Amino acid sequence: MLIRILVWWALLPALLMAITAKEIADKSEAVYSEKKTFSVKFEQVVSTGEFFDDERTTGSMKLAYPKKYRIETPEQVFVSDGDTLWTYSDENRQVTVEPTNRLDDFVTPADYLFRLREHYELSYDSTEVIEKKPYHRLSLRSLKDDQYVRSMKVLIDPETYLIRRVMYRDINDNKISLDFHDWKLGATLKPEDFRFKTPAGVEEVRIP
């Protein structure tokens, strides 16, 4: 029995790599597009350079495929109905309202969950093990020199095709990683989840 287990683990990376990066990306997006709505919790780490401490935060997302989302952390709330983005800062007691078609330096959930083939060249990097479970690891490089996200690695569950981890580097050489857990597919969401109501006493700044 021990020999069979060892042989299985030896063959597993090869079996996982038999599928192409394109097929993995298509299967992953198909899960989200079929379920339409979902929620997930995440842990984020932002590294801005060796002279600065890493910024760590936790939060939750509510999403409706492909463009609507609500991201909540202890510090900020980001809400979009696909056309408008509301960014609320609890510390500043201010909400910024701006059109999404003018956001060149904002990374949306769609950029690392759904649009893997739209703006990146994909390749199968390898497999990576997290908590004794192997994941597909895709390597993505931006197709344009001025693209805000320069490169990315995405870990995808080979059984469910849900995304487990995202690591990307932006044009300013910041490194961001997101770990996802507790996916809930087909979550019951309301239209108001994707619009932000400015609380009383909060300044609202509108950017045309």
Protein backbone atom coordinates (compact mmCIF):
# COMPACT_ATOMS: atom_id res chain seq x y z
CA MET A 1 0.00 0.00 0.00
CA LEU A 2 2.81 2.40 0.87
CA ILE A 3 4.46 1.74 -2.50
CA ARG A 4 1.20 2.49 -4.33
CA ILE A 5 0.78 5.78 -2.48
CA LEU A 6 4.35 6.80 -3.28
CA VAL A 7 3.88 5.95 -6.95
CA TRP A 8 0.62 7.94 -7.07
CA TRP A 9 2.25 11.04 -5.61
CA ALA A 10 5.15 10.66 -8.03
CA LEU A 11 2.75 10.55 -11.01
CA LEU A 12 0.39 13.29 -9.82
CA PRO A 13 2.41 16.32 -11.05
CA ALA A 14 2.67 14.78 -14.51
CA LEU A 15 -1.06 14.03 -14.59
CA LEU A 16 -1.92 17.58 -13.57
CA MET A 17 0.38 19.09 -16.20
CA ALA A 18 -1.27 17.04 -18.98
CA ILE A 19 -3.92 19.78 -19.22
CA THR A 20 -2.95 23.06 -20.91
CA ALA A 21 -2.97 26.54 -19.37
CA LYS A 22 -5.72 27.60 -21.80
CA GLU A 23 -7.92 24.66 -20.79
CA ILE A 24 -7.41 25.40 -17.09
CA ALA A 25 -8.29 29.08 -17.53
CA ASP A 26 -11.38 28.21 -19.59
CA LYS A 27 -12.59 25.64 -17.05
CA SER A 28 -12.07 28.08 -14.17
CA GLU A 29 -13.95 30.93 -15.83
CA ALA A 30 -16.75 28.53 -16.83
CA VAL A 31 -17.38 27.74 -13.15
CA TYR A 32 -17.84 31.41 -12.27
CA SER A 33 -19.85 32.28 -15.39
CA GLU A 34 -22.22 29.35 -14.81
CA LYS A 35 -22.89 30.14 -11.14
CA LYS A 36 -23.20 33.91 -11.82
CA THR A 37 -23.01 34.97 -8.16
CA PHE A 38 -20.62 34.01 -5.38
CA SER A 39 -18.87 35.18 -2.26
CA VAL A 40 -15.44 34.47 -0.82
CA LYS A 41 -13.14 35.49 2.02
CA PHE A 42 -9.56 36.54 1.41
CA GLU A 43 -6.27 37.49 3.00
CA GLN A 44 -4.13 40.06 1.19
CA VAL A 45 -0.47 40.98 1.52
CA VAL A 46 1.03 44.01 -0.25
CA SER A 47 4.82 44.35 -0.47
CA THR A 48 5.97 47.79 -1.61
CA GLY A 49 9.73 47.40 -1.17
CA GLU A 50 12.46 46.22 1.15
CA PHE A 51 12.34 49.44 3.20
CA PHE A 52 8.67 49.09 4.06
CA ASP A 53 6.76 46.57 6.10
CA ASP A 54 4.26 44.37 4.31
CA GLU A 55 0.66 45.57 4.53
CA ARG A 56 -1.69 42.79 5.55
CA THR A 57 -5.46 42.78 5.62
CA THR A 58 -8.40 40.40 5.52
CA GLY A 59 -11.77 40.87 3.95
CA SER A 60 -14.67 39.47 1.98
CA MET A 61 -15.99 39.77 -1.54
CA LYS A 62 -19.42 39.49 -3.10
CA LEU A 63 -19.35 39.13 -6.86
CA ALA A 64 -21.73 38.84 -9.79
CA TYR A 65 -20.11 37.65 -12.99
CA PRO A 66 -18.51 39.40 -14.74
CA LYS A 67 -18.21 43.02 -13.54
CA LYS A 68 -20.10 43.60 -10.30
CA TYR A 69 -18.36 43.33 -6.95
CA ARG A 70 -18.34 44.43 -3.34
CA ILE A 71 -15.02 44.19 -1.45
CA GLU A 72 -15.01 44.91 2.26
CA THR A 73 -11.99 45.19 4.56
CA PRO A 74 -11.69 46.82 8.00
CA GLU A 75 -10.21 49.91 6.33
CA GLN A 76 -12.07 50.31 3.06
CA VAL A 77 -15.06 49.29 0.98
CA PHE A 78 -15.01 49.03 -2.83
CA VAL A 79 -18.34 48.68 -4.61
CA SER A 80 -19.04 48.55 -8.34
CA ASP A 81 -22.16 47.94 -10.43
CA GLY A 82 -19.98 47.55 -13.51
CA ASP A 83 -20.23 51.21 -14.55
CA THR A 84 -19.40 53.12 -11.36
CA LEU A 85 -16.89 52.51 -8.57
CA TRP A 86 -17.49 53.71 -5.03
CA THR A 87 -14.41 53.72 -2.78
CA TYR A 88 -15.13 54.33 0.90
CA SER A 89 -12.40 55.06 3.43
CA ASP A 90 -13.44 54.61 7.04
CA GLU A 91 -10.38 56.54 8.32
CA ASN A 92 -11.00 59.57 6.08
CA ARG A 93 -14.80 59.39 6.32
CA GLN A 94 -14.94 59.94 2.57
CA VAL A 95 -16.34 58.12 -0.46
CA THR A 96 -15.03 58.64 -3.98
CA VAL A 97 -17.39 58.03 -6.90
CA GLU A 98 -15.93 57.56 -10.38
CA PRO A 99 -16.67 55.83 -13.71
CA THR A 100 -15.01 52.44 -14.14
CA ASN A 101 -13.98 53.09 -17.76
CA ARG A 102 -11.37 55.61 -16.58
CA LEU A 103 -9.66 53.42 -14.01
CA ASP A 104 -6.23 52.53 -15.40
CA ASP A 105 -4.53 51.78 -12.08
CA PHE A 106 -7.21 49.80 -10.26
CA VAL A 107 -7.16 46.00 -10.30
CA THR A 108 -10.67 44.54 -10.21
CA PRO A 109 -11.59 40.96 -9.21
CA ALA A 110 -12.34 40.25 -12.88
CA ASP A 111 -8.68 40.94 -13.70
CA TYR A 112 -7.48 37.97 -11.66
CA LEU A 113 -10.56 35.72 -11.59
CA PHE A 114 -12.18 35.88 -15.05
CA ARG A 115 -10.02 37.68 -17.59
CA LEU A 116 -6.96 35.48 -17.49
CA ARG A 117 -6.84 34.99 -21.27
CA GLU A 118 -7.98 38.47 -22.25
CA HIS A 119 -4.91 40.49 -21.26
CA TYR A 120 -2.19 37.91 -20.55
CA GLU A 121 -0.06 35.30 -22.20
CA LEU A 122 -0.60 32.09 -20.25
CA SER A 123 1.70 29.18 -19.60
CA TYR A 124 1.58 26.19 -17.26
CA ASP A 125 4.18 26.97 -14.62
CA SER A 126 4.08 23.86 -12.43
CA THR A 127 2.09 22.41 -9.56
CA GLU A 128 2.23 23.85 -6.05
CA VAL A 129 1.18 22.17 -2.82
CA ILE A 130 -0.75 24.03 -0.12
CA GLU A 131 -1.73 22.14 3.02
CA LYS A 132 -0.88 18.82 1.33
CA LYS A 133 -3.09 19.57 -1.69
CA PRO A 134 -1.60 20.14 -5.18
CA TYR A 135 -2.81 23.04 -7.33
CA HIS A 136 -2.33 24.03 -10.95
CA ARG A 137 -0.01 27.05 -11.07
CA LEU A 138 -0.34 29.29 -14.14
CA SER A 139 2.13 31.98 -15.08
CA LEU A 140 0.74 35.08 -16.81
CA ARG A 141 2.58 37.91 -18.54
CA SER A 142 0.92 41.12 -19.73
CA LEU A 143 0.40 41.51 -23.48
CA LYS A 144 1.03 45.28 -23.40
CA ASP A 145 4.06 47.14 -22.05
CA ASP A 146 1.90 49.80 -20.35
CA GLN A 147 -0.48 47.32 -18.71
CA TYR A 148 -0.87 48.03 -14.99
CA VAL A 149 -0.44 44.39 -13.92
CA ARG A 150 2.87 43.24 -15.38
CA SER A 151 2.88 39.58 -14.38
CA MET A 152 0.81 37.18 -12.32
CA LYS A 153 0.73 33.66 -10.94
CA VAL A 154 -2.58 31.94 -10.26
CA LEU A 155 -3.15 28.73 -8.30
CA ILE A 156 -6.26 26.80 -9.32
CA ASP A 157 -7.84 23.78 -7.66
CA PRO A 158 -7.65 20.85 -10.15
CA GLU A 159 -10.91 19.39 -8.81
CA THR A 160 -13.21 22.40 -8.51
CA TYR A 161 -11.28 24.87 -10.74
CA LEU A 162 -11.79 27.57 -8.12
CA ILE A 163 -8.91 29.98 -7.63
CA ARG A 164 -6.98 29.44 -4.41
CA ARG A 165 -4.23 32.05 -4.64
CA VAL A 166 -3.24 35.00 -6.82
CA MET A 167 0.16 36.72 -6.83
CA TYR A 168 0.82 39.68 -9.11
CA ARG A 169 3.34 42.48 -9.70
CA ASP A 170 2.12 45.89 -10.84
CA ILE A 171 3.76 48.54 -12.99
CA ASN A 172 5.21 50.21 -9.85
CA ASP A 173 6.89 46.92 -8.88
CA ASN A 174 4.57 46.34 -5.91
CA LYS A 175 3.88 42.68 -5.13
CA ILE A 176 0.37 41.68 -4.10
CA SER A 177 -0.84 38.27 -3.02
CA LEU A 178 -4.40 37.16 -2.25
CA ASP A 179 -5.37 33.88 -0.62
CA PHE A 180 -9.00 32.84 -1.06
CA HIS A 181 -11.06 30.52 1.10
CA ASP A 182 -14.69 29.66 1.86
CA TRP A 183 -16.03 30.04 -1.68
CA LYS A 184 -19.84 30.07 -1.83
CA LEU A 185 -21.11 29.61 -5.38
CA GLY A 186 -24.60 30.72 -6.38
CA ALA A 187 -24.82 33.02 -3.37
CA THR A 188 -28.06 34.97 -2.92
CA LEU A 189 -27.18 38.61 -3.57
CA LYS A 190 -29.25 41.76 -3.93
CA PRO A 191 -28.93 44.65 -6.44
CA GLU A 192 -28.14 47.01 -3.56
CA ASP A 193 -25.06 44.91 -2.73
CA PHE A 194 -23.46 46.51 -5.79
CA ARG A 195 -24.36 50.12 -5.09
CA PHE A 196 -22.99 52.17 -2.22
CA LYS A 197 -25.20 54.39 -0.09
CA THR A 198 -23.13 57.19 1.39
CA PRO A 199 -23.62 57.31 5.19
CA ALA A 200 -24.68 60.53 6.88
CA GLY A 201 -21.73 62.74 7.73
CA VAL A 202 -19.45 61.20 5.08
CA GLU A 203 -17.98 63.44 2.39
CA GLU A 204 -18.77 62.36 -1.18
CA VAL A 205 -16.26 63.23 -3.92
CA ARG A 206 -17.38 62.69 -7.52
CA ILE A 207 -14.78 62.35 -10.24
CA PRO A 208 -16.19 63.01 -13.75
